[in-house]
Amino acid sequence: MAYAIPQDVRDRWVGNDALPDDSVLEAWLEDAETLIFAEVPSVMSRLTEDPEGIWRRRLIYVEAQLVSQVMRNPDGVRQRAQTAGTFTDSV
């Protein structure tokens, strides 16, 4: 289970779309944590030596931000054009 919980994502959410169920957010949070620990293995030791909880709060923030990025753009669209005149639409 990830350090962040679905409510951490919901508390920081500023998008217009509704977020998915907690089970989906939990899965994405676990994936985010796996990536963080793989890329920065020293985070694990910093978490165990963190009496004030600073690293724990940082990890929760980063996990929530990673999941929020995915939820804002779940299809990974990098460019979109849309016109109304002659009904042009491209992604």
PDB file of N, CA and C in Angstrom:
ATOM      1  N   MET A   1       0.845  -1.182   0.000  1.00  0.00           N
ATOM      2  CA  MET A   1       0.000   0.000   0.000  1.00  0.00           C
ATOM      3  C   MET A   1       0.888   1.242   0.000  1.00  0.00           C
ATOM      4  N   ALA A   2       0.497   2.213  -0.777  1.00  0.00           N
ATOM      5  CA  ALA A   2       1.258   3.449  -0.924  1.00  0.00           C
ATOM      6  C   ALA A   2       1.126   4.323   0.319  1.00  0.00           C
ATOM      7  N   TYR A   3       2.068   5.219   0.476  1.00  0.00           N
ATOM      8  CA  TYR A   3       1.999   6.167   1.585  1.00  0.00           C
ATOM      9  C   TYR A   3       0.825   7.120   1.392  1.00  0.00           C
ATOM     10  N   ALA A   4       0.643   7.596   0.164  1.00  0.00           N
ATOM     11  CA  ALA A   4      -0.489   8.475  -0.126  1.00  0.00           C
ATOM     12  C   ALA A   4      -1.760   7.635  -0.234  1.00  0.00           C
ATOM     13  N   ILE A   5      -2.868   8.261   0.059  1.00  0.00           N
ATOM     14  CA  ILE A   5      -4.175   7.615  -0.054  1.00  0.00           C
ATOM     15  C   ILE A   5      -5.014   8.405  -1.056  1.00  0.00           C
ATOM     16  N   PRO A   6      -6.087   7.805  -1.566  1.00  0.00           N
ATOM     17  CA  PRO A   6      -6.913   8.518  -2.547  1.00  0.00           C
ATOM     18  C   PRO A   6      -7.362   9.905  -2.078  1.00  0.00           C
ATOM     19  N   GLN A   7      -7.607  10.066  -0.800  1.00  0.00           N
ATOM     20  CA  GLN A   7      -8.047  11.374  -0.306  1.00  0.00           C
ATOM     21  C   GLN A   7      -6.969  12.436  -0.500  1.00  0.00           C
ATOM     22  N   ASP A   8      -5.701  12.040  -0.469  1.00  0.00           N
ATOM     23  CA  ASP A   8      -4.615  12.991  -0.731  1.00  0.00           C
ATOM     24  C   ASP A   8      -4.712  13.546  -2.151  1.00  0.00           C
ATOM     25  N   VAL A   9      -5.070  12.702  -3.096  1.00  0.00           N
ATOM     26  CA  VAL A   9      -5.252  13.146  -4.478  1.00  0.00           C
ATOM     27  C   VAL A   9      -6.482  14.034  -4.569  1.00  0.00           C
ATOM     28  N   ARG A  10      -7.571  13.615  -3.938  1.00  0.00           N
ATOM     29  CA  ARG A  10      -8.819  14.387  -3.983  1.00  0.00           C
ATOM     30  C   ARG A  10      -8.650  15.771  -3.342  1.00  0.00           C
ATOM     31  N   ASP A  11      -7.887  15.848  -2.257  1.00  0.00           N
ATOM     32  CA  ASP A  11      -7.680  17.123  -1.572  1.00  0.00           C
ATOM     33  C   ASP A  11      -6.922  18.116  -2.443  1.00  0.00           C
ATOM     34  N   ARG A  12      -6.096  17.629  -3.331  1.00  0.00           N
ATOM     35  CA  ARG A  12      -5.280  18.500  -4.178  1.00  0.00           C
ATOM     36  C   ARG A  12      -5.854  18.684  -5.579  1.00  0.00           C
ATOM     37  N   TRP A  13      -6.948  18.037  -5.891  1.00  0.00           N
ATOM     38  CA  TRP A  13      -7.515  18.027  -7.237  1.00  0.00           C
ATOM     39  C   TRP A  13      -8.083  19.391  -7.602  1.00  0.00           C
ATOM     40  N   VAL A  14      -7.685  19.917  -8.752  1.00  0.00           N
ATOM     41  CA  VAL A  14      -8.198  21.191  -9.230  1.00  0.00           C
ATOM     42  C   VAL A  14      -8.839  21.055 -10.611  1.00  0.00           C
ATOM     43  N   GLY A  15      -8.922  19.852 -11.124  1.00  0.00           N
ATOM     44  CA  GLY A  15      -9.502  19.623 -12.443  1.00  0.00           C
ATOM     45  C   GLY A  15     -11.018  19.723 -12.422  1.00  0.00           C
ATOM     46  N   ASN A  16     -11.598  19.784 -13.600  1.00  0.00           N
ATOM     47  CA  ASN A  16     -13.058  19.858 -13.740  1.00  0.00           C
ATOM     48  C   ASN A  16     -13.700  18.479 -13.780  1.00  0.00           C
ATOM     49  N   ASP A  17     -12.947  17.489 -14.217  1.00  0.00           N
ATOM     50  CA  ASP A  17     -13.489  16.136 -14.340  1.00  0.00           C
ATOM     51  C   ASP A  17     -13.562  15.468 -12.971  1.00  0.00           C
ATOM     52  N   ALA A  18     -14.500  14.562 -12.842  1.00  0.00           N
ATOM     53  CA  ALA A  18     -14.617  13.783 -11.606  1.00  0.00           C
ATOM     54  C   ALA A  18     -13.518  12.719 -11.591  1.00  0.00           C
ATOM     55  N   LEU A  19     -12.968  12.486 -10.423  1.00  0.00           N
ATOM     56  CA  LEU A  19     -11.940  11.462 -10.279  1.00  0.00           C
ATOM     57  C   LEU A  19     -12.576  10.078 -10.221  1.00  0.00           C
ATOM     58  N   PRO A  20     -11.839   9.042 -10.605  1.00  0.00           N
ATOM     59  CA  PRO A  20     -12.376   7.679 -10.541  1.00  0.00           C
ATOM     60  C   PRO A  20     -12.494   7.188  -9.106  1.00  0.00           C
ATOM     61  N   ASP A  21     -12.990   5.978  -8.963  1.00  0.00           N
ATOM     62  CA  ASP A  21     -13.149   5.373  -7.637  1.00  0.00           C
ATOM     63  C   ASP A  21     -11.815   5.257  -6.914  1.00  0.00           C
ATOM     64  N   ASP A  22     -11.899   5.104  -5.594  1.00  0.00           N
ATOM     65  CA  ASP A  22     -10.706   4.990  -4.758  1.00  0.00           C
ATOM     66  C   ASP A  22      -9.823   3.812  -5.160  1.00  0.00           C
ATOM     67  N   SER A  23     -10.425   2.711  -5.604  1.00  0.00           N
ATOM     68  CA  SER A  23      -9.619   1.545  -5.973  1.00  0.00           C
ATOM     69  C   SER A  23      -8.706   1.855  -7.155  1.00  0.00           C
ATOM     70  N   VAL A  24      -9.175   2.664  -8.087  1.00  0.00           N
ATOM     71  CA  VAL A  24      -8.355   3.058  -9.238  1.00  0.00           C
ATOM     72  C   VAL A  24      -7.235   3.987  -8.777  1.00  0.00           C
ATOM     73  N   LEU A  25      -7.573   4.948  -7.928  1.00  0.00           N
ATOM     74  CA  LEU A  25      -6.561   5.870  -7.409  1.00  0.00           C
ATOM     75  C   LEU A  25      -5.511   5.120  -6.592  1.00  0.00           C
ATOM     76  N   GLU A  26      -5.936   4.147  -5.798  1.00  0.00           N
ATOM     77  CA  GLU A  26      -4.985   3.357  -5.002  1.00  0.00           C
ATOM     78  C   GLU A  26      -4.001   2.621  -5.907  1.00  0.00           C
ATOM     79  N   ALA A  27      -4.487   2.050  -6.988  1.00  0.00           N
ATOM     80  CA  ALA A  27      -3.608   1.333  -7.919  1.00  0.00           C
ATOM     81  C   ALA A  27      -2.596   2.287  -8.541  1.00  0.00           C
ATOM     82  N   TRP A  28      -3.048   3.462  -8.952  1.00  0.00           N
ATOM     83  CA  TRP A  28      -2.134   4.446  -9.536  1.00  0.00           C
ATOM     84  C   TRP A  28      -1.139   4.953  -8.498  1.00  0.00           C
ATOM     85  N   LEU A  29      -1.574   5.142  -7.258  1.00  0.00           N
ATOM     86  CA  LEU A  29      -0.665   5.591  -6.196  1.00  0.00           C
ATOM     87  C   LEU A  29       0.418   4.546  -5.930  1.00  0.00           C
ATOM     88  N   GLU A  30       0.033   3.281  -5.930  1.00  0.00           N
ATOM     89  CA  GLU A  30       1.020   2.215  -5.738  1.00  0.00           C
ATOM     90  C   GLU A  30       2.026   2.185  -6.894  1.00  0.00           C
ATOM     91  N   ASP A  31       1.533   2.391  -8.109  1.00  0.00           N
ATOM     92  CA  ASP A  31       2.435   2.445  -9.271  1.00  0.00           C
ATOM     93  C   ASP A  31       3.397   3.622  -9.148  1.00  0.00           C
ATOM     94  N   ALA A  32       2.879   4.773  -8.729  1.00  0.00           N
ATOM     95  CA  ALA A  32       3.720   5.959  -8.568  1.00  0.00           C
ATOM     96  C   ALA A  32       4.804   5.703  -7.526  1.00  0.00           C
ATOM     97  N   GLU A  33       4.423   5.075  -6.426  1.00  0.00           N
ATOM     98  CA  GLU A  33       5.398   4.784  -5.375  1.00  0.00           C
ATOM     99  C   GLU A  33       6.461   3.804  -5.863  1.00  0.00           C
ATOM    100  N   THR A  34       6.060   2.821  -6.621  1.00  0.00           N
ATOM    101  CA  THR A  34       7.015   1.867  -7.181  1.00  0.00           C
ATOM    102  C   THR A  34       8.035   2.583  -8.054  1.00  0.00           C
ATOM    103  N   LEU A  35       7.568   3.506  -8.890  1.00  0.00           N
ATOM    104  CA  LEU A  35       8.481   4.261  -9.743  1.00  0.00           C
ATOM    105  C   LEU A  35       9.415   5.148  -8.933  1.00  0.00           C
ATOM    106  N   ILE A  36       8.887   5.796  -7.920  1.00  0.00           N
ATOM    107  CA  ILE A  36       9.719   6.672  -7.080  1.00  0.00           C
ATOM    108  C   ILE A  36      10.822   5.861  -6.413  1.00  0.00           C
ATOM    109  N   PHE A  37      10.479   4.741  -5.789  1.00  0.00           N
ATOM    110  CA  PHE A  37      11.467   3.920  -5.103  1.00  0.00           C
ATOM    111  C   PHE A  37      12.493   3.330  -6.079  1.00  0.00           C
ATOM    112  N   ALA A  38      12.062   3.039  -7.312  1.00  0.00           N
ATOM    113  CA  ALA A  38      12.986   2.507  -8.308  1.00  0.00           C
ATOM    114  C   ALA A  38      13.967   3.576  -8.782  1.00  0.00           C
ATOM    115  N   GLU A  39      13.484   4.784  -8.950  1.00  0.00           N
ATOM    116  CA  GLU A  39      14.335   5.869  -9.449  1.00  0.00           C
ATOM    117  C   GLU A  39      15.196   6.500  -8.362  1.00  0.00           C
ATOM    118  N   VAL A  40      14.669   6.547  -7.131  1.00  0.00           N
ATOM    119  CA  VAL A  40      15.392   7.178  -6.020  1.00  0.00           C
ATOM    120  C   VAL A  40      15.359   6.224  -4.817  1.00  0.00           C
ATOM    121  N   PRO A  41      16.176   5.169  -4.836  1.00  0.00           N
ATOM    122  CA  PRO A  41      16.135   4.160  -3.774  1.00  0.00           C
ATOM    123  C   PRO A  41      16.446   4.717  -2.388  1.00  0.00           C
ATOM    124  N   SER A  42      17.162   5.810  -2.310  1.00  0.00           N
ATOM    125  CA  SER A  42      17.516   6.382  -1.011  1.00  0.00           C
ATOM    126  C   SER A  42      16.296   6.918  -0.253  1.00  0.00           C
ATOM    127  N   VAL A  43      15.185   7.080  -0.947  1.00  0.00           N
ATOM    128  CA  VAL A  43      13.974   7.563  -0.272  1.00  0.00           C
ATOM    129  C   VAL A  43      13.541   6.583   0.816  1.00  0.00           C
ATOM    130  N   MET A  44      13.699   5.299   0.568  1.00  0.00           N
ATOM    131  CA  MET A  44      13.299   4.290   1.559  1.00  0.00           C
ATOM    132  C   MET A  44      14.036   4.487   2.877  1.00  0.00           C
ATOM    133  N   SER A  45      15.345   4.660   2.809  1.00  0.00           N
ATOM    134  CA  SER A  45      16.109   4.844   4.048  1.00  0.00           C
ATOM    135  C   SER A  45      15.794   6.186   4.691  1.00  0.00           C
ATOM    136  N   ARG A  46      15.536   7.180   3.893  1.00  0.00           N
ATOM    137  CA  ARG A  46      15.180   8.493   4.442  1.00  0.00           C
ATOM    138  C   ARG A  46      13.836   8.446   5.164  1.00  0.00           C
ATOM    139  N   LEU A  47      12.946   7.601   4.691  1.00  0.00           N
ATOM    140  CA  LEU A  47      11.642   7.458   5.348  1.00  0.00           C
ATOM    141  C   LEU A  47      11.776   6.796   6.713  1.00  0.00           C
ATOM    142  N   THR A  48      12.698   5.841   6.827  1.00  0.00           N
ATOM    143  CA  THR A  48      12.870   5.152   8.109  1.00  0.00           C
ATOM    144  C   THR A  48      13.588   6.024   9.124  1.00  0.00           C
ATOM    145  N   GLU A  49      14.376   6.972   8.652  1.00  0.00           N
ATOM    146  CA  GLU A  49      15.096   7.886   9.535  1.00  0.00           C
ATOM    147  C   GLU A  49      14.469   9.273   9.462  1.00  0.00           C
ATOM    148  N   ASP A  50      13.167   9.339   9.675  1.00  0.00           N
ATOM    149  CA  ASP A  50      12.409  10.578   9.475  1.00  0.00           C
ATOM    150  C   ASP A  50      11.474  10.838  10.656  1.00  0.00           C
ATOM    151  N   PRO A  51      12.028  11.180  11.816  1.00  0.00           N
ATOM    152  CA  PRO A  51      11.182  11.344  12.997  1.00  0.00           C
ATOM    153  C   PRO A  51      10.150  12.472  12.882  1.00  0.00           C
ATOM    154  N   GLU A  52      10.449  13.483  12.091  1.00  0.00           N
ATOM    155  CA  GLU A  52       9.514  14.609  11.953  1.00  0.00           C
ATOM    156  C   GLU A  52       8.515  14.405  10.816  1.00  0.00           C
ATOM    157  N   GLY A  53       8.682  13.379  10.024  1.00  0.00           N
ATOM    158  CA  GLY A  53       7.753  13.071   8.944  1.00  0.00           C
ATOM    159  C   GLY A  53       7.886  13.944   7.712  1.00  0.00           C
ATOM    160  N   ILE A  54       9.016  14.619   7.579  1.00  0.00           N
ATOM    161  CA  ILE A  54       9.222  15.512   6.429  1.00  0.00           C
ATOM    162  C   ILE A  54       9.265  14.722   5.122  1.00  0.00           C
ATOM    163  N   TRP A  55      10.040  13.644   5.091  1.00  0.00           N
ATOM    164  CA  TRP A  55      10.146  12.840   3.871  1.00  0.00           C
ATOM    165  C   TRP A  55       8.842  12.134   3.557  1.00  0.00           C
ATOM    166  N   ARG A  56       8.119  11.748   4.571  1.00  0.00           N
ATOM    167  CA  ARG A  56       6.811  11.108   4.357  1.00  0.00           C
ATOM    168  C   ARG A  56       5.850  12.086   3.685  1.00  0.00           C
ATOM    169  N   ARG A  57       5.815  13.335   4.163  1.00  0.00           N
ATOM    170  CA  ARG A  57       4.945  14.351   3.558  1.00  0.00           C
ATOM    171  C   ARG A  57       5.370  14.642   2.118  1.00  0.00           C
ATOM    172  N   ARG A  58       6.680  14.682   1.894  1.00  0.00           N
ATOM    173  CA  ARG A  58       7.166  14.907   0.531  1.00  0.00           C
ATOM    174  C   ARG A  58       6.748  13.782  -0.400  1.00  0.00           C
ATOM    175  N   LEU A  59       6.887  12.551   0.068  1.00  0.00           N
ATOM    176  CA  LEU A  59       6.511  11.397  -0.751  1.00  0.00           C
ATOM    177  C   LEU A  59       5.022  11.418  -1.070  1.00  0.00           C
ATOM    178  N   ILE A  60       4.204  11.720  -0.088  1.00  0.00           N
ATOM    179  CA  ILE A  60       2.754  11.800  -0.309  1.00  0.00           C
ATOM    180  C   ILE A  60       2.438  12.864  -1.353  1.00  0.00           C
ATOM    181  N   TYR A  61       3.088  14.019  -1.245  1.00  0.00           N
ATOM    182  CA  TYR A  61       2.862  15.102  -2.204  1.00  0.00           C
ATOM    183  C   TYR A  61       3.243  14.664  -3.620  1.00  0.00           C
ATOM    184  N   VAL A  62       4.418  14.052  -3.766  1.00  0.00           N
ATOM    185  CA  VAL A  62       4.891  13.648  -5.095  1.00  0.00           C
ATOM    186  C   VAL A  62       3.988  12.565  -5.677  1.00  0.00           C
ATOM    187  N   GLU A  63       3.606  11.591  -4.866  1.00  0.00           N
ATOM    188  CA  GLU A  63       2.697  10.549  -5.355  1.00  0.00           C
ATOM    189  C   GLU A  63       1.381  11.158  -5.826  1.00  0.00           C
ATOM    190  N   ALA A  64       0.818  12.055  -5.045  1.00  0.00           N
ATOM    191  CA  ALA A  64      -0.449  12.696  -5.414  1.00  0.00           C
ATOM    192  C   ALA A  64      -0.307  13.500  -6.701  1.00  0.00           C
ATOM    193  N   GLN A  65       0.820  14.186  -6.865  1.00  0.00           N
ATOM    194  CA  GLN A  65       1.035  14.974  -8.072  1.00  0.00           C
ATOM    195  C   GLN A  65       1.179  14.082  -9.308  1.00  0.00           C
ATOM    196  N   LEU A  66       1.895  12.976  -9.171  1.00  0.00           N
ATOM    197  CA  LEU A  66       2.040  12.057 -10.296  1.00  0.00           C
ATOM    198  C   LEU A  66       0.685  11.505 -10.740  1.00  0.00           C
ATOM    199  N   VAL A  67      -0.130  11.120  -9.786  1.00  0.00           N
ATOM    200  CA  VAL A  67      -1.450  10.578 -10.112  1.00  0.00           C
ATOM    201  C   VAL A  67      -2.342  11.668 -10.703  1.00  0.00           C
ATOM    202  N   SER A  68      -2.258  12.873 -10.170  1.00  0.00           N
ATOM    203  CA  SER A  68      -3.055  13.979 -10.707  1.00  0.00           C
ATOM    204  C   SER A  68      -2.708  14.254 -12.164  1.00  0.00           C
ATOM    205  N   GLN A  69      -1.419  14.164 -12.504  1.00  0.00           N
ATOM    206  CA  GLN A  69      -0.998  14.367 -13.897  1.00  0.00           C
ATOM    207  C   GLN A  69      -1.681  13.356 -14.821  1.00  0.00           C
ATOM    208  N   VAL A  70      -1.722  12.107 -14.388  1.00  0.00           N
ATOM    209  CA  VAL A  70      -2.346  11.066 -15.200  1.00  0.00           C
ATOM    210  C   VAL A  70      -3.849  11.302 -15.304  1.00  0.00           C
ATOM    211  N   MET A  71      -4.486  11.686 -14.210  1.00  0.00           N
ATOM    212  CA  MET A  71      -5.931  11.875 -14.208  1.00  0.00           C
ATOM    213  C   MET A  71      -6.355  13.080 -15.050  1.00  0.00           C
ATOM    214  N   ARG A  72      -5.486  14.087 -15.162  1.00  0.00           N
ATOM    215  CA  ARG A  72      -5.805  15.249 -15.987  1.00  0.00           C
ATOM    216  C   ARG A  72      -5.728  14.917 -17.471  1.00  0.00           C
ATOM    217  N   ASN A  73      -4.883  13.952 -17.828  1.00  0.00           N
ATOM    218  CA  ASN A  73      -4.682  13.602 -19.223  1.00  0.00           C
ATOM    219  C   ASN A  73      -4.507  12.089 -19.350  1.00  0.00           C
ATOM    220  N   PRO A  74      -5.566  11.329 -19.085  1.00  0.00           N
ATOM    221  CA  PRO A  74      -5.444   9.864 -19.060  1.00  0.00           C
ATOM    222  C   PRO A  74      -5.065   9.247 -20.408  1.00  0.00           C
ATOM    223  N   ASP A  75      -5.368   9.922 -21.508  1.00  0.00           N
ATOM    224  CA  ASP A  75      -5.042   9.384 -22.821  1.00  0.00           C
ATOM    225  C   ASP A  75      -3.641   9.763 -23.275  1.00  0.00           C
ATOM    226  N   GLY A  76      -2.955  10.606 -22.512  1.00  0.00           N
ATOM    227  CA  GLY A  76      -1.606  11.014 -22.863  1.00  0.00           C
ATOM    228  C   GLY A  76      -1.540  11.886 -24.103  1.00  0.00           C
ATOM    229  N   VAL A  77      -2.594  12.637 -24.378  1.00  0.00           N
ATOM    230  CA  VAL A  77      -2.645  13.493 -25.551  1.00  0.00           C
ATOM    231  C   VAL A  77      -1.659  14.632 -25.377  1.00  0.00           C
ATOM    232  N   ARG A  78      -0.846  14.853 -26.390  1.00  0.00           N
ATOM    233  CA  ARG A  78       0.148  15.930 -26.332  1.00  0.00           C
ATOM    234  C   ARG A  78      -0.254  17.111 -27.182  1.00  0.00           C
ATOM    235  N   GLN A  79      -1.164  16.903 -28.116  1.00  0.00           N
ATOM    236  CA  GLN A  79      -1.592  17.996 -28.981  1.00  0.00           C
ATOM    237  C   GLN A  79      -3.032  17.757 -29.402  1.00  0.00           C
ATOM    238  N   ARG A  80      -3.815  18.813 -29.457  1.00  0.00           N
ATOM    239  CA  ARG A  80      -5.207  18.680 -29.856  1.00  0.00           C
ATOM    240  C   ARG A  80      -5.615  19.942 -30.602  1.00  0.00           C
ATOM    241  N   ALA A  81      -6.313  19.782 -31.701  1.00  0.00           N
ATOM    242  CA  ALA A  81      -6.832  20.917 -32.462  1.00  0.00           C
ATOM    243  C   ALA A  81      -8.312  20.667 -32.717  1.00  0.00           C
ATOM    244  N   GLN A  82      -9.100  21.720 -32.592  1.00  0.00           N
ATOM    245  CA  GLN A  82     -10.535  21.547 -32.790  1.00  0.00           C
ATOM    246  C   GLN A  82     -11.103  22.851 -33.338  1.00  0.00           C
ATOM    247  N   THR A  83     -11.855  22.756 -34.416  1.00  0.00           N
ATOM    248  CA  THR A  83     -12.522  23.929 -34.964  1.00  0.00           C
ATOM    249  C   THR A  83     -13.984  23.608 -35.149  1.00  0.00           C
ATOM    250  N   ALA A  84     -14.812  24.639 -35.225  1.00  0.00           N
ATOM    251  CA  ALA A  84     -16.248  24.410 -35.359  1.00  0.00           C
ATOM    252  C   ALA A  84     -16.758  24.746 -36.757  1.00  0.00           C
ATOM    253  N   GLY A  85     -16.027  25.563 -37.507  1.00  0.00           N
ATOM    254  CA  GLY A  85     -16.484  26.019 -38.817  1.00  0.00           C
ATOM    255  C   GLY A  85     -16.823  24.890 -39.768  1.00  0.00           C
ATOM    256  N   THR A  86     -15.853  24.117 -40.157  1.00  0.00           N
ATOM    257  CA  THR A  86     -16.100  23.000 -41.064  1.00  0.00           C
ATOM    258  C   THR A  86     -15.882  21.660 -40.348  1.00  0.00           C
ATOM    259  N   PHE A  87     -16.095  21.664 -39.071  1.00  0.00           N
ATOM    260  CA  PHE A  87     -16.030  20.457 -38.243  1.00  0.00           C
ATOM    261  C   PHE A  87     -14.683  19.735 -38.314  1.00  0.00           C
ATOM    262  N   THR A  88     -13.628  20.423 -38.055  1.00  0.00           N
ATOM    263  CA  THR A  88     -12.295  19.837 -38.027  1.00  0.00           C
ATOM    264  C   THR A  88     -11.970  19.404 -36.604  1.00  0.00           C
ATOM    265  N   ASP A  89     -11.402  18.223 -36.459  1.00  0.00           N
ATOM    266  CA  ASP A  89     -11.020  17.714 -35.143  1.00  0.00           C
ATOM    267  C   ASP A  89      -9.785  16.843 -35.320  1.00  0.00           C
ATOM    268  N   SER A  90      -8.763  17.090 -34.563  1.00  0.00           N
ATOM    269  CA  SER A  90      -7.585  16.240 -34.622  1.00  0.00           C
ATOM    270  C   SER A  90      -6.989  16.122 -33.209  1.00  0.00           C
ATOM    271  N   VAL A  91      -6.295  15.039 -32.986  1.00  0.00           N
ATOM    272  CA  VAL A  91      -5.674  14.807 -31.680  1.00  0.00           C
ATOM    273  C   VAL A  91      -4.200  14.561 -31.905  1.00  0.00           C
TER     274      VAL A  91
END
